[in-house]
Amino acid sequence: MGLEQILVIAMFASFMGLLLLGFPVAWSLAGVGLIFAVVGHVLVNYFDAELWFTWSGTIGVLDARIYGIVANELMVALPLFIFMGIMLDRSGIAERLMHSLVRVLGPLRGGYAITVVIVGVLLAASTGIVGASVVLLGLLSLGPMLQANYNKSLAVGTACSVGTLGILVPPSIMLVLMADRLGTPAASVGKLFMGALIPGMLLGVLYVLYILIAAWLNKDFAPAPKDRQPLDMRALLDVLLAVVPPLGLILAVLGSIFFGIATTTEASAVGAAGAVLMAWFSRRLSLAVIKDALYQTSRTTAFIFGIFIGATVFAAVLRGLGGDDVVRAALTSLPFGQTGVLLTVLFITFLLGFFLDWVEITLIVLPLVAPVLFAMGVDPLWFAILFALCLQTSFLTPPVGFALFYIKGVCPPGITTRHIYLGVLPFIALQLLGLALVFHFEALATWLPNEVYGGP
C-alpha cells in the first residue's frame, strides 16, 4: 500500500472517529482537512515524500473556493425552499388535509395509514423539510391510528418513513446540492427535479400497496373503524378544498421550472411568497410566525453551509493528497464492469447512510465517485437519481437515522424504540425495491426529463 492510499484512508478514518466521539460534522471535516494539510506539507517539504501535495495548491485556493460557494446564485434557492417548507408547516394545511381525507379513506382497512401517505407525498412536494414533515405527520396521525387499534409498528413506521419523501420528491434541497456538486448540464436542477418525480411517486404507491396488502392479510393489523361516518358530498368537497392550495403551490414552483418560465432560484422565491400567502389565507400568519420561520431558516441554512465549507476544506486536501486517483484506481480495478462498479458505489453509499447524514455523503463521496462512473459511460441523470434514492434510506437506518429521532420525540406513551425500528424495516425494504426498479428500468428516471428538455 502506497503513501497516498494510507493518507486517504487515514483521513476518512479520522473523520469517522471524530463523529463517533460526538464532534460537530462541520468542525470535524475542516479540522481533519487542516491537520492532514499540515501532515502533507511536512512530508513533502521535510521528508521528500513522493506526493503531489502543495500548500499553495490546496489551502492557498480555499478562499476562492469558499467564495464561489457562497456567491453561487443556485445556492440562494436553499434558504428560500427551506423558508417555504417552514411556512407551510405553520399554515395548518396539513391538518386540514389530514382531517378531510380521513373522512373519505377512514372506513377502509388501513385508511388512516393511506391518508398519512397521501398527505406525506403532498407535504414532500410542497415543503421538502424532512424534520418538519416527520414531526407533523407523527403529531397528526399517531394518536388517531392507535385509537383505531392499528399495529404500533405500522403506525409509527408509516409516519416516520413517509416523512422522508421530502428529501427526494421535488422541490428537494438535496437535489439542488447534488446538481451543484455534479456540475454537469446533463444533471441540472431542472432535470433532477423531473427525474425524481416518477421515482418519488413510485415510492408513495409502493407504501400504499404495502399497507393495503398487510391490512388484507391480517384484519387486526390496520382495522377499519367501527363507528364509520357516512361519506357525503360535503366530505368530498372538503378534500377538494384542502388539496387545491398545496397542489397550486406545487404547480407554481415546479411548473415554472419545467416550462422554462423561471430558474430554480426564481421558482424558490415564488414558492416562498406562495407559502406566506397560504399562511395568511389560513389566518395563521403573524409576526411571531414570521420571526420563528426566519430564525429556523437561518439556522438550517447556516448548518448546511457550515458543512459545505468544512467539506470544501476536506475535499481540497483529499484531492491534494491524491484522493481522486486512489478512488479512481480502487473503482476501476474492481473485477467487474460498469454495472458492477455502479452497484458497488450504491452499496457503499447505503452502508455510509448508517453513519453519515445525506449532506456529508453528497458533498464528499458524490464528487469523488461521479467522474469515474461518468467516464465509464454511466448516464449522469440516472446515476444522480439512483444516488438520491440510496441516500433517502439514511434517514431511516440506525444508529444515526435522523427521522427515527424526530418521530421518537413525538411518540405517545406505549411506543418504544423497538416499535420504531420494526416499523421502518418494511419501508426501508420498499425504498430498496424502488431503487432496484429504477436501476432495472432506467426510463423511470430519464423519460420525463428527456421528454421535456430533449434527449435520447
Protein backbone atom coordinates (compact mmCIF):
# COMPACT_ATOMS: atom_id res chain seq x y z
CA MET A 1 0.00 0.00 0.00
CA GLY A 2 1.43 3.36 -1.06
CA LEU A 3 1.66 6.57 0.96
CA GLU A 4 -1.30 8.15 -0.90
CA GLN A 5 -3.61 5.25 -0.02
CA ILE A 6 -2.50 5.34 3.62
CA LEU A 7 -3.16 9.08 3.94
CA VAL A 8 -6.58 8.88 2.22
CA ILE A 9 -7.71 6.00 4.44
CA ALA A 10 -6.35 7.81 7.50
CA MET A 11 -8.33 10.94 6.59
CA PHE A 12 -11.63 9.07 6.35
CA ALA A 13 -10.88 7.05 9.48
CA SER A 14 -10.06 10.22 11.45
CA PHE A 15 -13.27 11.88 10.30
CA MET A 16 -15.39 8.87 11.27
CA GLY A 17 -13.61 8.67 14.63
CA LEU A 18 -14.36 12.29 15.46
CA LEU A 19 -18.02 11.80 14.52
CA LEU A 20 -18.30 8.78 16.80
CA LEU A 21 -16.76 10.85 19.60
CA GLY A 22 -19.54 13.42 19.16
CA PHE A 23 -17.70 16.28 17.48
CA PRO A 24 -19.76 18.50 15.13
CA VAL A 25 -19.68 17.45 11.49
CA ALA A 26 -18.53 20.79 10.05
CA TRP A 27 -15.69 21.18 12.54
CA SER A 28 -14.64 17.56 12.07
CA LEU A 29 -14.42 17.94 8.30
CA ALA A 30 -12.49 21.21 8.41
CA GLY A 31 -10.28 20.10 11.29
CA VAL A 32 -9.27 16.81 9.69
CA GLY A 33 -8.60 18.63 6.41
CA LEU A 34 -6.31 21.20 8.02
CA ILE A 35 -4.46 18.61 10.10
CA PHE A 36 -3.72 16.44 7.08
CA ALA A 37 -2.75 19.52 5.08
CA VAL A 38 -0.04 20.12 7.67
CA VAL A 39 0.90 16.42 7.51
CA GLY A 40 1.19 16.56 3.72
CA HIS A 41 3.21 19.78 3.85
CA VAL A 42 5.65 18.32 6.40
CA LEU A 43 6.03 15.04 4.46
CA VAL A 44 6.75 16.81 1.17
CA ASN A 45 9.00 19.60 2.42
CA TYR A 46 10.90 17.86 5.22
CA PHE A 47 10.87 14.17 4.31
CA ASP A 48 10.85 14.41 0.48
CA ALA A 49 7.74 12.22 0.28
CA GLU A 50 6.57 11.31 -3.23
CA LEU A 51 3.35 13.29 -3.09
CA TRP A 52 1.97 15.89 -5.48
CA PHE A 53 0.69 17.84 -2.48
CA THR A 54 1.38 21.60 -2.40
CA TRP A 55 0.23 24.00 0.29
CA SER A 56 -0.49 26.80 -2.19
CA GLY A 57 -2.49 24.47 -4.44
CA THR A 58 -4.81 23.33 -1.65
CA ILE A 59 -5.07 25.65 1.35
CA GLY A 60 -3.97 28.60 -0.77
CA VAL A 61 -7.05 28.41 -3.02
CA LEU A 62 -9.64 27.73 -0.32
CA ASP A 63 -10.67 31.39 -0.08
CA ALA A 64 -11.63 31.42 -3.76
CA ARG A 65 -13.45 28.09 -3.49
CA ILE A 66 -15.44 29.11 -0.41
CA TYR A 67 -16.34 32.44 -2.01
CA GLY A 68 -17.52 30.55 -5.08
CA ILE A 69 -19.87 28.52 -2.88
CA VAL A 70 -21.49 31.43 -1.09
CA ALA A 71 -21.65 33.53 -4.27
CA ASN A 72 -23.34 30.77 -6.29
CA GLU A 73 -26.77 32.01 -7.37
CA LEU A 74 -28.15 28.47 -7.29
CA MET A 75 -27.45 28.26 -3.54
CA VAL A 76 -29.92 31.10 -2.94
CA ALA A 77 -32.64 28.54 -3.61
CA LEU A 78 -31.70 26.62 -0.45
CA PRO A 79 -32.87 29.14 2.19
CA LEU A 80 -35.91 30.04 0.08
CA PHE A 81 -37.06 26.42 -0.22
CA ILE A 82 -36.39 25.91 3.49
CA PHE A 83 -38.43 29.02 4.34
CA MET A 84 -41.24 27.80 2.07
CA GLY A 85 -41.35 24.47 3.87
CA ILE A 86 -41.36 26.02 7.34
CA MET A 87 -44.12 28.50 6.45
CA LEU A 88 -46.27 25.71 5.02
CA ASP A 89 -45.72 23.77 8.21
CA ARG A 90 -47.09 26.74 10.14
CA SER A 91 -50.02 27.34 7.77
CA GLY A 92 -52.13 24.42 9.04
CA ILE A 93 -52.69 22.98 5.56
CA ALA A 94 -51.54 19.50 6.57
CA GLU A 95 -54.00 19.34 9.49
CA ARG A 96 -56.90 20.32 7.27
CA LEU A 97 -55.88 17.85 4.57
CA MET A 98 -55.48 15.04 7.10
CA HIS A 99 -58.89 15.58 8.68
CA SER A 100 -60.70 15.79 5.34
CA LEU A 101 -59.02 12.70 3.85
CA VAL A 102 -59.76 10.64 6.95
CA ARG A 103 -63.49 11.20 6.30
CA VAL A 104 -63.07 9.64 2.84
CA LEU A 105 -60.47 6.89 3.44
CA GLY A 106 -61.07 6.18 7.12
CA PRO A 107 -63.69 3.43 6.54
CA LEU A 108 -61.12 1.32 4.66
CA ARG A 109 -58.75 -1.12 6.31
CA GLY A 110 -55.52 0.83 6.56
CA GLY A 111 -57.37 4.01 5.61
CA TYR A 112 -55.66 6.13 8.26
CA ALA A 113 -52.22 4.95 7.14
CA ILE A 114 -53.05 5.55 3.46
CA THR A 115 -54.17 9.05 4.41
CA VAL A 116 -50.77 9.62 6.03
CA VAL A 117 -49.06 8.52 2.81
CA ILE A 118 -51.13 10.88 0.64
CA VAL A 119 -50.62 13.83 2.98
CA GLY A 120 -46.93 12.97 3.24
CA VAL A 121 -46.50 12.97 -0.54
CA LEU A 122 -48.19 16.37 -0.82
CA LEU A 123 -46.05 17.69 2.03
CA ALA A 124 -42.95 16.32 0.32
CA ALA A 125 -43.80 18.07 -2.92
CA SER A 126 -44.53 21.38 -1.18
CA THR A 127 -42.10 21.53 1.75
CA GLY A 128 -39.11 19.24 1.32
CA ILE A 129 -38.19 19.57 5.02
CA VAL A 130 -37.88 16.05 6.42
CA GLY A 131 -37.75 17.00 10.10
CA ALA A 132 -40.87 19.15 9.90
CA SER A 133 -42.77 16.54 7.86
CA VAL A 134 -41.94 13.64 10.18
CA VAL A 135 -42.85 15.58 13.32
CA LEU A 136 -46.06 16.96 11.82
CA LEU A 137 -47.22 13.59 10.48
CA GLY A 138 -46.41 11.97 13.80
CA LEU A 139 -48.37 14.53 15.78
CA LEU A 140 -51.38 14.36 13.46
CA SER A 141 -51.60 10.62 12.84
CA LEU A 142 -50.17 8.52 15.66
CA GLY A 143 -52.94 9.29 18.14
CA PRO A 144 -55.85 8.51 15.77
CA MET A 145 -54.18 5.35 14.42
CA LEU A 146 -53.51 3.99 17.91
CA GLN A 147 -57.08 4.80 18.95
CA ALA A 148 -58.25 2.80 15.91
CA ASN A 149 -56.20 -0.18 17.23
CA TYR A 150 -53.58 -0.05 14.48
CA ASN A 151 -50.45 -2.10 14.93
CA LYS A 152 -47.99 0.19 16.74
CA SER A 153 -45.08 -0.58 14.45
CA LEU A 154 -47.18 0.08 11.35
CA ALA A 155 -48.45 3.38 12.72
CA VAL A 156 -45.08 4.78 13.71
CA GLY A 157 -43.28 3.27 10.71
CA THR A 158 -45.72 4.87 8.27
CA ALA A 159 -45.49 8.35 9.79
CA CYS A 160 -41.71 8.17 10.07
CA SER A 161 -40.99 6.75 6.60
CA VAL A 162 -43.46 8.83 4.60
CA GLY A 163 -41.99 11.99 6.12
CA THR A 164 -38.64 11.23 4.50
CA LEU A 165 -40.10 11.53 0.98
CA GLY A 166 -39.49 15.27 1.22
CA ILE A 167 -35.79 14.78 0.60
CA LEU A 168 -36.48 13.10 -2.77
CA VAL A 169 -39.73 14.49 -4.18
CA PRO A 170 -39.06 17.89 -5.81
CA PRO A 171 -38.53 20.63 -4.89
CA SER A 172 -35.77 18.99 -2.84
CA ILE A 173 -32.79 20.74 -1.29
CA MET A 174 -30.82 17.50 -1.68
CA LEU A 175 -31.29 17.59 -5.45
CA VAL A 176 -30.18 21.24 -5.52
CA LEU A 177 -26.96 20.32 -3.70
CA MET A 178 -26.41 17.29 -5.91
CA ALA A 179 -26.78 19.35 -9.09
CA ASP A 180 -24.23 21.83 -7.77
CA ARG A 181 -21.73 19.08 -6.84
CA LEU A 182 -22.13 17.20 -10.14
CA GLY A 183 -21.67 20.37 -12.16
CA THR A 184 -22.89 18.95 -15.47
CA PRO A 185 -25.76 20.16 -17.70
CA ALA A 186 -26.84 16.52 -18.05
CA ALA A 187 -27.84 16.60 -14.36
CA SER A 188 -29.08 20.16 -13.89
CA VAL A 189 -31.52 21.05 -11.13
CA GLY A 190 -34.47 21.09 -13.51
CA LYS A 191 -33.60 17.65 -14.90
CA LEU A 192 -33.05 16.22 -11.43
CA PHE A 193 -36.41 17.58 -10.27
CA MET A 194 -38.16 15.95 -13.20
CA GLY A 195 -36.12 12.77 -12.93
CA ALA A 196 -37.01 12.35 -9.24
CA LEU A 197 -40.73 12.96 -9.75
CA ILE A 198 -41.71 9.49 -11.01
CA PRO A 199 -39.46 7.56 -8.55
CA GLY A 200 -40.82 9.67 -5.69
CA MET A 201 -44.42 8.93 -6.68
CA LEU A 202 -43.45 5.28 -7.18
CA LEU A 203 -42.35 5.05 -3.55
CA GLY A 204 -45.67 6.53 -2.45
CA VAL A 205 -47.53 3.87 -4.48
CA LEU A 206 -45.37 1.10 -3.01
CA TYR A 207 -46.16 2.35 0.51
CA VAL A 208 -49.91 2.31 -0.21
CA LEU A 209 -49.75 -1.20 -1.72
CA TYR A 210 -47.83 -2.48 1.30
CA ILE A 211 -50.43 -1.05 3.69
CA LEU A 212 -53.35 -2.48 1.68
CA ILE A 213 -51.79 -5.94 1.40
CA ALA A 214 -50.76 -6.04 5.06
CA ALA A 215 -54.24 -4.94 6.17
CA TRP A 216 -55.87 -7.50 3.87
CA LEU A 217 -53.69 -10.37 5.11
CA ASN A 218 -54.23 -9.51 8.78
CA LYS A 219 -57.53 -7.81 9.61
CA ASP A 220 -56.22 -6.78 13.03
CA PHE A 221 -53.11 -5.10 11.60
CA ALA A 222 -54.90 -1.96 10.41
CA PRO A 223 -58.62 -2.42 11.14
CA ALA A 224 -61.38 -0.24 9.81
CA PRO A 225 -63.02 1.96 12.48
CA LYS A 226 -66.23 0.62 14.00
CA ASP A 227 -68.01 3.98 14.12
CA ARG A 228 -67.84 4.77 10.42
CA GLN A 229 -69.23 8.11 9.35
CA PRO A 230 -71.24 8.11 6.12
CA LEU A 231 -69.49 9.54 3.09
CA ASP A 232 -71.28 12.55 1.57
CA MET A 233 -70.62 15.33 -0.90
CA ARG A 234 -69.56 17.64 1.92
CA ALA A 235 -66.64 15.34 2.75
CA LEU A 236 -65.55 15.17 -0.89
CA LEU A 237 -65.77 18.96 -1.18
CA ASP A 238 -63.63 19.37 1.94
CA VAL A 239 -60.97 17.11 0.37
CA LEU A 240 -61.02 19.15 -2.82
CA LEU A 241 -60.69 22.45 -0.96
CA ALA A 242 -57.87 21.05 1.18
CA VAL A 243 -55.91 19.65 -1.79
CA VAL A 244 -56.13 22.68 -4.10
CA PRO A 245 -53.79 25.06 -2.17
CA PRO A 246 -50.76 22.73 -1.91
CA LEU A 247 -51.29 21.49 -5.49
CA GLY A 248 -51.43 25.09 -6.69
CA LEU A 249 -48.15 25.87 -4.96
CA ILE A 250 -46.53 22.73 -6.36
CA LEU A 251 -47.61 23.65 -9.89
CA ALA A 252 -46.40 27.22 -9.42
CA VAL A 253 -42.94 26.13 -8.29
CA LEU A 254 -42.30 23.03 -10.40
CA GLY A 255 -44.32 24.24 -13.38
CA SER A 256 -42.34 27.48 -13.63
CA ILE A 257 -39.12 25.43 -13.69
CA PHE A 258 -40.34 22.70 -16.05
CA PHE A 259 -41.74 25.11 -18.63
CA GLY A 260 -38.74 27.43 -18.55
CA ILE A 261 -40.64 30.38 -17.08
CA ALA A 262 -38.28 30.74 -14.12
CA THR A 263 -34.91 29.48 -12.95
CA THR A 264 -34.68 27.28 -9.86
CA THR A 265 -33.73 30.29 -7.72
CA GLU A 266 -36.61 32.38 -9.06
CA ALA A 267 -39.05 29.49 -8.57
CA SER A 268 -37.91 29.11 -4.96
CA ALA A 269 -38.81 32.76 -4.40
CA VAL A 270 -42.25 32.11 -5.91
CA GLY A 271 -42.67 29.20 -3.53
CA ALA A 272 -41.63 31.25 -0.50
CA ALA A 273 -44.07 34.03 -1.41
CA GLY A 274 -46.84 31.49 -2.06
CA ALA A 275 -46.27 29.85 1.32
CA VAL A 276 -46.61 33.22 3.06
CA LEU A 277 -49.87 33.87 1.21
CA MET A 278 -51.23 30.45 2.16
CA ALA A 279 -50.40 31.06 5.82
CA TRP A 280 -52.18 34.43 5.56
CA PHE A 281 -55.30 32.90 3.98
CA SER A 282 -55.30 30.26 6.72
CA ARG A 283 -55.20 33.06 9.31
CA ARG A 284 -52.01 31.61 10.78
CA LEU A 285 -49.70 34.44 9.70
CA SER A 286 -48.34 36.65 12.47
CA LEU A 287 -45.17 38.48 13.38
CA ALA A 288 -44.20 35.65 15.74
CA VAL A 289 -44.67 33.04 12.98
CA ILE A 290 -42.55 35.05 10.52
CA LYS A 291 -39.87 35.61 13.15
CA ASP A 292 -39.74 31.91 14.02
CA ALA A 293 -39.67 30.88 10.33
CA LEU A 294 -36.80 33.26 9.59
CA TYR A 295 -34.87 32.01 12.62
CA GLN A 296 -35.34 28.36 11.68
CA THR A 297 -34.42 29.11 8.05
CA SER A 298 -31.24 30.93 9.07
CA ARG A 299 -30.29 28.16 11.48
CA THR A 300 -30.81 25.35 8.94
CA THR A 301 -29.07 27.27 6.16
CA ALA A 302 -26.09 28.03 8.40
CA PHE A 303 -25.88 24.35 9.34
CA ILE A 304 -25.80 23.29 5.67
CA PHE A 305 -23.28 25.95 4.63
CA GLY A 306 -21.10 25.14 7.64
CA ILE A 307 -20.88 21.55 6.44
CA PHE A 308 -20.41 22.85 2.90
CA ILE A 309 -17.35 24.88 3.91
CA GLY A 310 -15.94 22.07 6.06
CA ALA A 311 -16.43 19.60 3.20
CA THR A 312 -14.65 22.01 0.82
CA VAL A 313 -11.59 22.05 3.08
CA PHE A 314 -11.69 18.25 3.46
CA ALA A 315 -12.15 17.63 -0.27
CA ALA A 316 -9.41 20.09 -1.28
CA VAL A 317 -6.84 18.41 0.96
CA LEU A 318 -8.06 14.92 -0.02
CA ARG A 319 -7.54 15.77 -3.68
CA GLY A 320 -4.18 17.34 -2.89
CA LEU A 321 -3.06 14.10 -1.29
CA GLY A 322 -4.17 12.07 -4.32
CA GLY A 323 -7.63 11.06 -3.13
CA ASP A 324 -9.14 11.28 -6.62
CA ASP A 325 -6.51 8.93 -8.02
CA VAL A 326 -6.92 6.49 -5.13
CA VAL A 327 -10.72 6.32 -5.56
CA ARG A 328 -10.44 6.05 -9.35
CA ALA A 329 -7.90 3.25 -9.12
CA ALA A 330 -9.97 1.42 -6.50
CA LEU A 331 -13.14 1.52 -8.62
CA THR A 332 -11.59 0.75 -11.99
CA SER A 333 -9.61 -2.16 -10.56
CA LEU A 334 -12.76 -3.96 -9.43
CA PRO A 335 -13.11 -7.30 -11.23
CA PHE A 336 -16.40 -6.45 -12.96
CA GLY A 337 -17.73 -3.97 -15.47
CA GLN A 338 -19.75 -0.77 -15.41
CA THR A 339 -22.82 -2.32 -13.79
CA GLY A 340 -20.81 -3.96 -11.03
CA VAL A 341 -18.95 -0.74 -10.23
CA LEU A 342 -22.22 1.20 -10.08
CA LEU A 343 -23.76 -1.40 -7.76
CA THR A 344 -20.66 -1.24 -5.56
CA VAL A 345 -20.91 2.55 -5.27
CA LEU A 346 -24.61 2.34 -4.38
CA PHE A 347 -23.93 -0.38 -1.81
CA ILE A 348 -21.16 1.65 -0.17
CA THR A 349 -23.46 4.70 -0.17
CA PHE A 350 -26.18 2.66 1.54
CA LEU A 351 -23.71 1.50 4.21
CA LEU A 352 -22.41 5.04 4.75
CA GLY A 353 -26.01 6.10 5.37
CA PHE A 354 -25.93 4.14 8.63
CA PHE A 355 -23.29 6.52 9.98
CA LEU A 356 -23.38 9.74 7.94
CA ASP A 357 -26.07 12.24 7.01
CA TRP A 358 -27.00 12.80 3.38
CA VAL A 359 -25.27 16.20 3.38
CA GLU A 360 -21.82 14.79 4.14
CA ILE A 361 -22.24 11.94 1.64
CA THR A 362 -23.39 14.34 -1.08
CA LEU A 363 -20.56 16.80 -0.51
CA ILE A 364 -17.71 14.33 -0.02
CA VAL A 365 -18.49 11.00 -1.69
CA LEU A 366 -20.51 12.12 -4.72
CA PRO A 367 -17.79 14.35 -6.28
CA LEU A 368 -15.27 11.52 -5.85
CA VAL A 369 -17.21 8.68 -7.48
CA ALA A 370 -19.29 10.55 -10.08
CA PRO A 371 -16.44 11.41 -12.51
CA VAL A 372 -15.27 7.78 -12.51
CA LEU A 373 -18.75 6.46 -13.31
CA PHE A 374 -19.35 9.13 -15.97
CA ALA A 375 -16.06 8.18 -17.63
CA MET A 376 -17.28 4.57 -17.71
CA GLY A 377 -20.40 5.64 -19.61
CA VAL A 378 -23.00 5.81 -16.81
CA ASP A 379 -25.77 8.33 -17.55
CA PRO A 380 -25.33 11.28 -15.11
CA LEU A 381 -29.06 11.84 -14.64
CA TRP A 382 -29.81 8.17 -13.99
CA PHE A 383 -26.92 7.86 -11.56
CA ALA A 384 -27.96 11.01 -9.68
CA ILE A 385 -31.49 9.67 -9.13
CA LEU A 386 -30.16 6.27 -8.03
CA PHE A 387 -27.79 8.02 -5.63
CA ALA A 388 -30.66 10.14 -4.26
CA LEU A 389 -32.85 7.07 -3.72
CA CYS A 390 -30.00 5.39 -1.90
CA LEU A 391 -29.42 8.45 0.28
CA GLN A 392 -33.07 8.56 1.33
CA THR A 393 -32.56 5.37 3.29
CA SER A 394 -30.02 7.18 5.51
CA PHE A 395 -32.91 8.88 7.34
CA LEU A 396 -34.28 5.51 8.49
CA THR A 397 -31.19 3.38 9.09
CA PRO A 398 -29.87 3.32 12.67
CA PRO A 399 -27.83 4.39 14.55
CA VAL A 400 -27.94 7.93 13.11
CA GLY A 401 -31.19 7.88 11.12
CA PHE A 402 -32.49 11.36 11.91
CA ALA A 403 -36.12 10.53 11.13
CA LEU A 404 -36.00 7.93 13.92
CA PHE A 405 -35.06 10.63 16.43
CA TYR A 406 -37.66 13.05 15.06
CA ILE A 407 -40.50 10.55 15.42
CA LYS A 408 -39.32 9.36 18.83
CA GLY A 409 -39.72 12.91 20.14
CA VAL A 410 -43.46 12.99 19.35
CA CYS A 411 -44.41 9.36 20.03
CA PRO A 412 -47.23 8.87 22.57
CA PRO A 413 -46.63 6.64 25.60
CA GLY A 414 -46.54 2.96 24.75
CA ILE A 415 -44.44 3.25 21.59
CA THR A 416 -40.88 2.11 22.21
CA THR A 417 -37.69 2.32 20.19
CA ARG A 418 -38.24 -1.31 19.21
CA HIS A 419 -41.62 -0.42 17.69
CA ILE A 420 -39.94 2.34 15.65
CA TYR A 421 -37.16 0.10 14.34
CA LEU A 422 -39.56 -2.72 13.45
CA GLY A 423 -41.92 -0.23 11.86
CA VAL A 424 -39.40 1.30 9.46
CA LEU A 425 -37.85 -2.01 8.33
CA PRO A 426 -40.57 -2.78 5.72
CA PHE A 427 -40.30 0.77 4.37
CA ILE A 428 -36.51 0.52 4.06
CA ALA A 429 -37.13 -2.67 2.06
CA LEU A 430 -39.65 -0.78 -0.11
CA GLN A 431 -37.14 2.01 -0.70
CA LEU A 432 -34.58 -0.57 -1.81
CA LEU A 433 -37.24 -2.13 -4.05
CA GLY A 434 -37.86 1.29 -5.59
CA LEU A 435 -34.11 1.67 -6.09
CA ALA A 436 -33.99 -1.74 -7.79
CA LEU A 437 -36.89 -0.81 -10.10
CA VAL A 438 -35.24 2.45 -11.18
CA PHE A 439 -31.96 0.57 -11.64
CA HIS A 440 -33.63 -2.04 -13.85
CA PHE A 441 -35.94 0.38 -15.69
CA GLU A 442 -33.74 3.40 -16.40
CA ALA A 443 -36.61 5.20 -18.13
CA LEU A 444 -38.30 5.73 -14.74
CA ALA A 445 -35.65 8.36 -14.06
CA THR A 446 -34.80 9.59 -17.56
CA TRP A 447 -38.01 9.50 -19.61
CA LEU A 448 -39.70 12.62 -18.21
CA PRO A 449 -36.60 14.88 -18.31
CA ASN A 450 -35.82 13.74 -21.85
CA GLU A 451 -39.40 14.41 -22.97
CA VAL A 452 -39.33 17.96 -21.62
CA TYR A 453 -35.72 19.00 -22.14
CA GLY A 454 -34.91 16.75 -25.07
CA GLY A 455 -32.52 13.84 -25.09
CA PRO A 456 -32.02 10.28 -26.28
